[in-house]
N, C-alpha and C. Protein backbone atom coordinates (compact mmCIF):
# COMPACT_ATOMS: atom_id res chain seq x y z
N MET A 1 -16.01 -24.43 11.08
CA MET A 1 -14.97 -23.51 11.53
C MET A 1 -14.40 -22.69 10.37
N MET A 2 -14.27 -23.33 9.19
CA MET A 2 -13.73 -22.60 8.05
C MET A 2 -14.64 -21.44 7.65
N TYR A 3 -15.95 -21.66 7.67
CA TYR A 3 -16.89 -20.60 7.35
C TYR A 3 -16.75 -19.46 8.36
N GLN A 4 -16.68 -19.80 9.63
CA GLN A 4 -16.54 -18.79 10.69
C GLN A 4 -15.23 -18.01 10.51
N MET A 5 -14.13 -18.73 10.19
CA MET A 5 -12.84 -18.06 10.01
C MET A 5 -12.91 -17.12 8.80
N GLU A 6 -13.47 -17.60 7.69
CA GLU A 6 -13.58 -16.76 6.50
C GLU A 6 -14.41 -15.51 6.79
N SER A 7 -15.51 -15.71 7.46
CA SER A 7 -16.40 -14.59 7.78
C SER A 7 -15.69 -13.57 8.66
N LEU A 8 -14.99 -14.02 9.68
CA LEU A 8 -14.27 -13.11 10.57
C LEU A 8 -13.13 -12.39 9.86
N LEU A 9 -12.39 -13.12 9.02
CA LEU A 9 -11.31 -12.48 8.27
C LEU A 9 -11.85 -11.36 7.38
N ARG A 10 -12.92 -11.66 6.65
CA ARG A 10 -13.52 -10.65 5.79
C ARG A 10 -13.98 -9.44 6.60
N LYS A 11 -14.64 -9.70 7.71
CA LYS A 11 -15.18 -8.63 8.55
C LYS A 11 -14.06 -7.74 9.10
N VAL A 12 -13.03 -8.36 9.65
CA VAL A 12 -11.93 -7.59 10.25
C VAL A 12 -11.16 -6.83 9.19
N PHE A 13 -10.85 -7.48 8.06
CA PHE A 13 -10.11 -6.80 7.01
C PHE A 13 -10.92 -5.63 6.43
N LYS A 14 -12.21 -5.81 6.33
CA LYS A 14 -13.07 -4.73 5.84
C LYS A 14 -13.04 -3.55 6.82
N GLN A 15 -13.14 -3.85 8.12
CA GLN A 15 -13.08 -2.79 9.12
C GLN A 15 -11.77 -2.03 9.04
N ILE A 16 -10.67 -2.76 8.95
CA ILE A 16 -9.35 -2.12 8.89
C ILE A 16 -9.23 -1.30 7.61
N ARG A 17 -9.67 -1.84 6.46
CA ARG A 17 -9.59 -1.12 5.20
C ARG A 17 -10.40 0.18 5.28
N ILE A 18 -11.60 0.11 5.84
CA ILE A 18 -12.44 1.31 5.97
C ILE A 18 -11.77 2.34 6.88
N GLU A 19 -11.22 1.88 8.00
CA GLU A 19 -10.57 2.79 8.94
C GLU A 19 -9.32 3.43 8.35
N ILE A 20 -8.53 2.65 7.59
CA ILE A 20 -7.33 3.20 6.94
C ILE A 20 -7.75 4.19 5.85
N ASN A 21 -8.76 3.84 5.07
CA ASN A 21 -9.25 4.77 4.05
C ASN A 21 -9.73 6.07 4.68
N GLU A 22 -10.39 5.97 5.81
CA GLU A 22 -10.85 7.16 6.53
C GLU A 22 -9.65 8.01 6.97
N LEU A 23 -8.59 7.35 7.41
CA LEU A 23 -7.37 8.03 7.85
C LEU A 23 -6.74 8.79 6.68
N LEU A 24 -6.75 8.19 5.49
CA LEU A 24 -6.09 8.78 4.33
C LEU A 24 -6.98 9.69 3.49
N LYS A 25 -8.30 9.52 3.59
CA LYS A 25 -9.22 10.08 2.59
C LYS A 25 -9.12 11.57 2.35
N ARG A 26 -8.78 12.32 3.32
CA ARG A 26 -8.73 13.76 3.12
C ARG A 26 -7.58 14.19 2.22
N GLU A 27 -6.55 13.37 2.18
CA GLU A 27 -5.35 13.74 1.43
C GLU A 27 -5.09 12.89 0.19
N MET A 28 -5.37 11.57 0.30
CA MET A 28 -5.01 10.68 -0.81
C MET A 28 -5.80 9.38 -0.76
N SER A 29 -5.81 8.71 -1.90
CA SER A 29 -6.45 7.40 -1.98
C SER A 29 -5.46 6.33 -1.51
N ARG A 30 -5.99 5.13 -1.32
CA ARG A 30 -5.14 4.01 -0.91
C ARG A 30 -4.07 3.75 -1.97
N ASN A 31 -4.44 3.78 -3.26
CA ASN A 31 -3.46 3.53 -4.32
C ASN A 31 -2.42 4.64 -4.41
N GLU A 32 -2.82 5.87 -4.16
CA GLU A 32 -1.84 6.96 -4.11
C GLU A 32 -0.83 6.69 -2.99
N PHE A 33 -1.34 6.28 -1.83
CA PHE A 33 -0.46 5.97 -0.71
C PHE A 33 0.49 4.84 -1.08
N MET A 34 -0.04 3.78 -1.70
CA MET A 34 0.79 2.63 -2.05
C MET A 34 1.88 3.01 -3.06
N ILE A 35 1.54 3.85 -4.03
CA ILE A 35 2.54 4.28 -5.01
C ILE A 35 3.63 5.10 -4.33
N LEU A 36 3.24 6.02 -3.47
CA LEU A 36 4.24 6.82 -2.75
C LEU A 36 5.12 5.94 -1.88
N ARG A 37 4.52 4.98 -1.20
CA ARG A 37 5.30 4.09 -0.33
C ARG A 37 6.31 3.27 -1.16
N ILE A 38 5.86 2.72 -2.28
CA ILE A 38 6.75 1.93 -3.14
C ILE A 38 7.90 2.81 -3.64
N LEU A 39 7.59 4.00 -4.11
CA LEU A 39 8.64 4.91 -4.59
C LEU A 39 9.61 5.26 -3.48
N ASN A 40 9.09 5.51 -2.29
CA ASN A 40 9.91 5.85 -1.14
C ASN A 40 10.86 4.71 -0.77
N GLU A 41 10.36 3.48 -0.83
CA GLU A 41 11.15 2.32 -0.42
C GLU A 41 12.04 1.76 -1.52
N GLU A 42 11.56 1.82 -2.79
CA GLU A 42 12.25 1.12 -3.87
C GLU A 42 12.83 2.02 -4.95
N GLY A 43 12.47 3.28 -4.96
CA GLY A 43 12.98 4.18 -5.98
C GLY A 43 12.08 4.23 -7.21
N PRO A 44 12.54 4.94 -8.25
CA PRO A 44 11.73 5.18 -9.45
C PRO A 44 11.24 3.89 -10.12
N LYS A 45 10.03 3.98 -10.69
CA LYS A 45 9.39 2.83 -11.36
C LYS A 45 8.65 3.31 -12.60
N LYS A 46 8.43 2.35 -13.52
CA LYS A 46 7.57 2.62 -14.67
C LYS A 46 6.12 2.35 -14.26
N VAL A 47 5.18 2.95 -14.97
CA VAL A 47 3.75 2.78 -14.68
C VAL A 47 3.37 1.30 -14.68
N THR A 48 3.89 0.56 -15.64
CA THR A 48 3.53 -0.87 -15.73
C THR A 48 3.97 -1.65 -14.50
N GLU A 49 5.05 -1.23 -13.87
CA GLU A 49 5.51 -1.92 -12.66
C GLU A 49 4.51 -1.74 -11.52
N PHE A 50 3.94 -0.55 -11.40
CA PHE A 50 2.92 -0.31 -10.38
C PHE A 50 1.66 -1.13 -10.67
N ALA A 51 1.29 -1.17 -11.93
CA ALA A 51 0.09 -1.91 -12.32
C ALA A 51 0.21 -3.37 -11.92
N ASN A 52 1.38 -3.95 -12.14
CA ASN A 52 1.60 -5.36 -11.78
C ASN A 52 1.55 -5.56 -10.27
N VAL A 53 2.21 -4.69 -9.52
CA VAL A 53 2.26 -4.83 -8.06
C VAL A 53 0.89 -4.64 -7.42
N LEU A 54 0.14 -3.64 -7.89
CA LEU A 54 -1.16 -3.31 -7.30
C LEU A 54 -2.31 -4.08 -7.92
N GLY A 55 -2.05 -4.80 -9.01
CA GLY A 55 -3.09 -5.60 -9.64
C GLY A 55 -4.19 -4.78 -10.28
N VAL A 56 -3.80 -3.65 -10.87
CA VAL A 56 -4.76 -2.79 -11.56
C VAL A 56 -4.23 -2.48 -12.95
N SER A 57 -5.05 -1.85 -13.79
CA SER A 57 -4.63 -1.54 -15.16
C SER A 57 -3.62 -0.39 -15.18
N ALA A 58 -2.84 -0.34 -16.25
CA ALA A 58 -1.88 0.74 -16.43
C ALA A 58 -2.62 2.08 -16.55
N SER A 59 -3.81 2.06 -17.17
CA SER A 59 -4.57 3.31 -17.31
C SER A 59 -5.02 3.83 -15.93
N HIS A 60 -5.34 2.91 -15.01
CA HIS A 60 -5.70 3.33 -13.65
C HIS A 60 -4.50 3.98 -12.97
N ILE A 61 -3.33 3.36 -13.13
CA ILE A 61 -2.11 3.92 -12.53
C ILE A 61 -1.81 5.29 -13.14
N THR A 62 -2.03 5.44 -14.42
CA THR A 62 -1.82 6.74 -15.06
C THR A 62 -2.72 7.80 -14.42
N ALA A 63 -3.97 7.46 -14.19
CA ALA A 63 -4.90 8.41 -13.55
C ALA A 63 -4.45 8.74 -12.14
N VAL A 64 -4.01 7.74 -11.40
CA VAL A 64 -3.54 7.96 -10.02
C VAL A 64 -2.28 8.82 -10.03
N THR A 65 -1.35 8.51 -10.93
CA THR A 65 -0.11 9.29 -10.98
C THR A 65 -0.37 10.72 -11.46
N ASP A 66 -1.37 10.91 -12.33
CA ASP A 66 -1.75 12.27 -12.73
C ASP A 66 -2.12 13.09 -11.49
N ALA A 67 -2.90 12.49 -10.60
CA ALA A 67 -3.31 13.18 -9.38
C ALA A 67 -2.10 13.48 -8.49
N LEU A 68 -1.17 12.53 -8.40
CA LEU A 68 0.03 12.73 -7.58
C LEU A 68 0.94 13.80 -8.16
N VAL A 69 1.04 13.87 -9.48
CA VAL A 69 1.82 14.93 -10.12
C VAL A 69 1.19 16.28 -9.81
N GLU A 70 -0.13 16.34 -9.91
CA GLU A 70 -0.86 17.58 -9.64
C GLU A 70 -0.63 18.07 -8.20
N LYS A 71 -0.52 17.12 -7.27
CA LYS A 71 -0.28 17.46 -5.87
C LYS A 71 1.19 17.80 -5.60
N GLY A 72 2.05 17.52 -6.58
CA GLY A 72 3.48 17.81 -6.43
C GLY A 72 4.24 16.74 -5.66
N TRP A 73 3.67 15.56 -5.53
CA TRP A 73 4.28 14.50 -4.74
C TRP A 73 5.14 13.54 -5.55
N ILE A 74 4.94 13.55 -6.89
CA ILE A 74 5.77 12.74 -7.77
C ILE A 74 6.06 13.55 -9.02
N SER A 75 7.04 13.08 -9.80
CA SER A 75 7.31 13.66 -11.11
C SER A 75 7.57 12.54 -12.10
N ARG A 76 7.32 12.84 -13.35
CA ARG A 76 7.59 11.88 -14.43
C ARG A 76 8.87 12.35 -15.13
N ILE A 77 9.82 11.43 -15.24
CA ILE A 77 11.09 11.79 -15.87
C ILE A 77 11.38 10.80 -17.00
N ARG A 78 11.60 11.35 -18.19
CA ARG A 78 11.89 10.54 -19.37
C ARG A 78 13.33 10.04 -19.29
N SER A 79 13.53 8.77 -19.64
CA SER A 79 14.86 8.15 -19.63
C SER A 79 15.75 8.82 -20.67
N LYS A 80 17.00 9.08 -20.30
CA LYS A 80 17.96 9.66 -21.24
C LYS A 80 18.44 8.61 -22.24
N GLU A 81 18.45 7.34 -21.81
CA GLU A 81 18.90 6.25 -22.67
C GLU A 81 17.84 5.87 -23.71
N ASP A 82 16.59 5.84 -23.29
CA ASP A 82 15.48 5.46 -24.18
C ASP A 82 14.33 6.42 -23.92
N ARG A 83 14.16 7.39 -24.81
CA ARG A 83 13.19 8.47 -24.61
C ARG A 83 11.75 7.97 -24.51
N ARG A 84 11.50 6.70 -24.92
CA ARG A 84 10.14 6.14 -24.83
C ARG A 84 9.79 5.77 -23.39
N ILE A 85 10.79 5.59 -22.54
CA ILE A 85 10.58 5.15 -21.16
C ILE A 85 10.46 6.35 -20.24
N ILE A 86 9.37 6.35 -19.48
CA ILE A 86 9.15 7.40 -18.48
C ILE A 86 9.07 6.73 -17.13
N LYS A 87 9.86 7.22 -16.19
CA LYS A 87 9.83 6.68 -14.84
C LYS A 87 9.21 7.69 -13.89
N ILE A 88 8.54 7.14 -12.90
CA ILE A 88 7.90 7.95 -11.86
C ILE A 88 8.89 8.09 -10.70
N HIS A 89 9.11 9.32 -10.26
CA HIS A 89 10.02 9.62 -9.15
C HIS A 89 9.24 10.32 -8.05
N ILE A 90 9.57 10.03 -6.81
CA ILE A 90 8.95 10.74 -5.68
C ILE A 90 9.69 12.05 -5.46
N THR A 91 8.95 13.10 -5.15
CA THR A 91 9.56 14.40 -4.86
C THR A 91 9.84 14.50 -3.36
N ASP A 92 10.57 15.55 -2.98
CA ASP A 92 10.82 15.79 -1.55
C ASP A 92 9.50 15.95 -0.81
N SER A 93 8.56 16.66 -1.43
CA SER A 93 7.24 16.85 -0.82
C SER A 93 6.53 15.50 -0.65
N GLY A 94 6.64 14.63 -1.64
CA GLY A 94 6.05 13.29 -1.55
C GLY A 94 6.67 12.47 -0.44
N ASN A 95 7.98 12.61 -0.26
CA ASN A 95 8.66 11.90 0.84
C ASN A 95 8.14 12.37 2.19
N GLU A 96 7.93 13.67 2.31
CA GLU A 96 7.41 14.21 3.57
C GLU A 96 6.00 13.69 3.85
N VAL A 97 5.17 13.66 2.82
CA VAL A 97 3.79 13.19 2.96
C VAL A 97 3.76 11.72 3.38
N ILE A 98 4.58 10.90 2.74
CA ILE A 98 4.57 9.47 3.07
C ILE A 98 5.08 9.24 4.49
N LYS A 99 6.06 10.01 4.93
CA LYS A 99 6.53 9.89 6.31
C LYS A 99 5.41 10.24 7.29
N TYR A 100 4.69 11.31 6.99
CA TYR A 100 3.59 11.75 7.85
C TYR A 100 2.52 10.66 7.94
N PHE A 101 2.10 10.12 6.79
CA PHE A 101 1.03 9.11 6.81
C PHE A 101 1.51 7.76 7.33
N ASP A 102 2.78 7.44 7.15
CA ASP A 102 3.31 6.23 7.77
C ASP A 102 3.21 6.35 9.29
N LYS A 103 3.52 7.53 9.80
CA LYS A 103 3.41 7.77 11.25
C LYS A 103 1.95 7.63 11.69
N LYS A 104 1.02 8.20 10.91
CA LYS A 104 -0.40 8.10 11.25
C LYS A 104 -0.88 6.64 11.21
N LYS A 105 -0.42 5.87 10.22
CA LYS A 105 -0.80 4.46 10.14
C LYS A 105 -0.23 3.67 11.32
N THR A 106 1.00 3.97 11.71
CA THR A 106 1.60 3.31 12.87
C THR A 106 0.80 3.61 14.12
N GLU A 107 0.40 4.87 14.28
CA GLU A 107 -0.43 5.26 15.43
C GLU A 107 -1.76 4.52 15.40
N TYR A 108 -2.35 4.41 14.20
CA TYR A 108 -3.62 3.70 14.06
C TYR A 108 -3.48 2.24 14.49
N PHE A 109 -2.47 1.54 13.95
CA PHE A 109 -2.31 0.13 14.28
C PHE A 109 -1.94 -0.08 15.74
N THR A 110 -1.15 0.83 16.30
CA THR A 110 -0.83 0.75 17.72
C THR A 110 -2.10 0.85 18.55
N SER A 111 -2.96 1.78 18.20
CA SER A 111 -4.24 1.94 18.90
C SER A 111 -5.15 0.74 18.66
N ARG A 112 -5.23 0.28 17.42
CA ARG A 112 -6.13 -0.84 17.05
C ARG A 112 -5.78 -2.12 17.80
N PHE A 113 -4.48 -2.33 18.06
CA PHE A 113 -4.03 -3.57 18.69
C PHE A 113 -3.52 -3.38 20.11
N GLU A 114 -3.87 -2.26 20.74
CA GLU A 114 -3.36 -1.99 22.09
C GLU A 114 -3.87 -2.97 23.14
N ALA A 115 -5.00 -3.63 22.88
CA ALA A 115 -5.56 -4.58 23.84
C ALA A 115 -4.84 -5.93 23.80
N PHE A 116 -3.94 -6.11 22.82
CA PHE A 116 -3.22 -7.37 22.68
C PHE A 116 -1.89 -7.32 23.41
N SER A 117 -1.53 -8.43 24.04
CA SER A 117 -0.21 -8.53 24.67
C SER A 117 0.83 -8.76 23.58
N ASP A 118 2.10 -8.59 23.93
CA ASP A 118 3.18 -8.86 22.97
C ASP A 118 3.12 -10.32 22.50
N GLU A 119 2.80 -11.21 23.39
CA GLU A 119 2.70 -12.63 23.05
C GLU A 119 1.56 -12.87 22.05
N GLU A 120 0.42 -12.22 22.26
CA GLU A 120 -0.70 -12.37 21.34
C GLU A 120 -0.36 -11.80 19.95
N LEU A 121 0.30 -10.63 19.95
CA LEU A 121 0.71 -10.04 18.67
C LEU A 121 1.68 -10.96 17.93
N GLN A 122 2.60 -11.57 18.67
CA GLN A 122 3.55 -12.49 18.04
C GLN A 122 2.82 -13.70 17.47
N THR A 123 1.79 -14.17 18.17
CA THR A 123 0.99 -15.29 17.67
C THR A 123 0.29 -14.91 16.36
N ILE A 124 -0.29 -13.71 16.32
CA ILE A 124 -0.94 -13.23 15.09
C ILE A 124 0.07 -13.16 13.95
N ILE A 125 1.23 -12.61 14.23
CA ILE A 125 2.29 -12.51 13.21
C ILE A 125 2.68 -13.89 12.71
N ASN A 126 2.86 -14.83 13.63
CA ASN A 126 3.24 -16.19 13.26
C ASN A 126 2.17 -16.85 12.40
N LEU A 127 0.90 -16.69 12.77
CA LEU A 127 -0.18 -17.30 12.02
C LEU A 127 -0.31 -16.70 10.62
N PHE A 128 -0.22 -15.38 10.51
CA PHE A 128 -0.30 -14.76 9.20
C PHE A 128 0.93 -15.10 8.34
N SER A 129 2.08 -15.23 8.97
CA SER A 129 3.27 -15.66 8.23
C SER A 129 3.08 -17.06 7.68
N LYS A 130 2.47 -17.91 8.47
CA LYS A 130 2.19 -19.28 8.03
C LYS A 130 1.19 -19.26 6.86
N LEU A 131 0.16 -18.45 6.96
CA LEU A 131 -0.81 -18.31 5.86
C LEU A 131 -0.12 -17.78 4.60
N ASP A 132 0.76 -16.82 4.76
CA ASP A 132 1.47 -16.23 3.64
C ASP A 132 2.35 -17.28 2.96
N LYS A 133 3.01 -18.10 3.73
CA LYS A 133 3.86 -19.16 3.17
C LYS A 133 3.01 -20.16 2.40
N GLN A 134 1.82 -20.50 2.92
CA GLN A 134 0.94 -21.42 2.21
C GLN A 134 0.50 -20.80 0.89
N GLN A 135 0.19 -19.51 0.90
CA GLN A 135 -0.23 -18.81 -0.32
C GLN A 135 0.88 -18.87 -1.36
N ASN A 136 2.10 -18.67 -0.92
CA ASN A 136 3.20 -18.64 -1.87
C ASN A 136 3.58 -20.04 -2.40
N SER A 137 3.15 -21.09 -1.71
CA SER A 137 3.55 -22.42 -2.13
C SER A 137 2.49 -23.13 -2.97
N LYS A 138 1.26 -22.61 -3.01
CA LYS A 138 0.21 -23.24 -3.84
C LYS A 138 -0.78 -22.20 -4.30
N SER A 139 -1.47 -22.53 -5.37
CA SER A 139 -2.46 -21.58 -5.88
C SER A 139 -3.77 -21.73 -5.12
N ILE A 140 -4.48 -20.60 -5.01
CA ILE A 140 -5.75 -20.57 -4.29
C ILE A 140 -6.83 -20.16 -5.27
N LEU A 141 -8.01 -20.68 -5.10
CA LEU A 141 -9.13 -20.36 -5.99
C LEU A 141 -9.41 -18.89 -6.04
């Protein structure tokens, strides 16, 4: 059963990742979306903070943020207190883009799970919450 569960989880997550990437691909990468979402929800951050959250190198985040600056969706602002510190800020245009794609993602997930009853969705939520709690309480290989 564990092999079957692992196989199904991988298959479903891969399908969802591919479909979400397809949804975003014309405008932005998944990491661009994640950076915009974090900025929208949490406010300005340093490059290293994104690298830690997304589990990628700071140089990768720099490349991603370069693309976002070029699109006008973020700006880099040097700290007045410590000129060595540069924080990434979302622009008004970036806020509009993230709202648009959040709506598209909501529509996607609504469509993807429309065959499930509210009770089934709650069961999925409960099971994934339980998995998440297990992940947070012990290390996994």
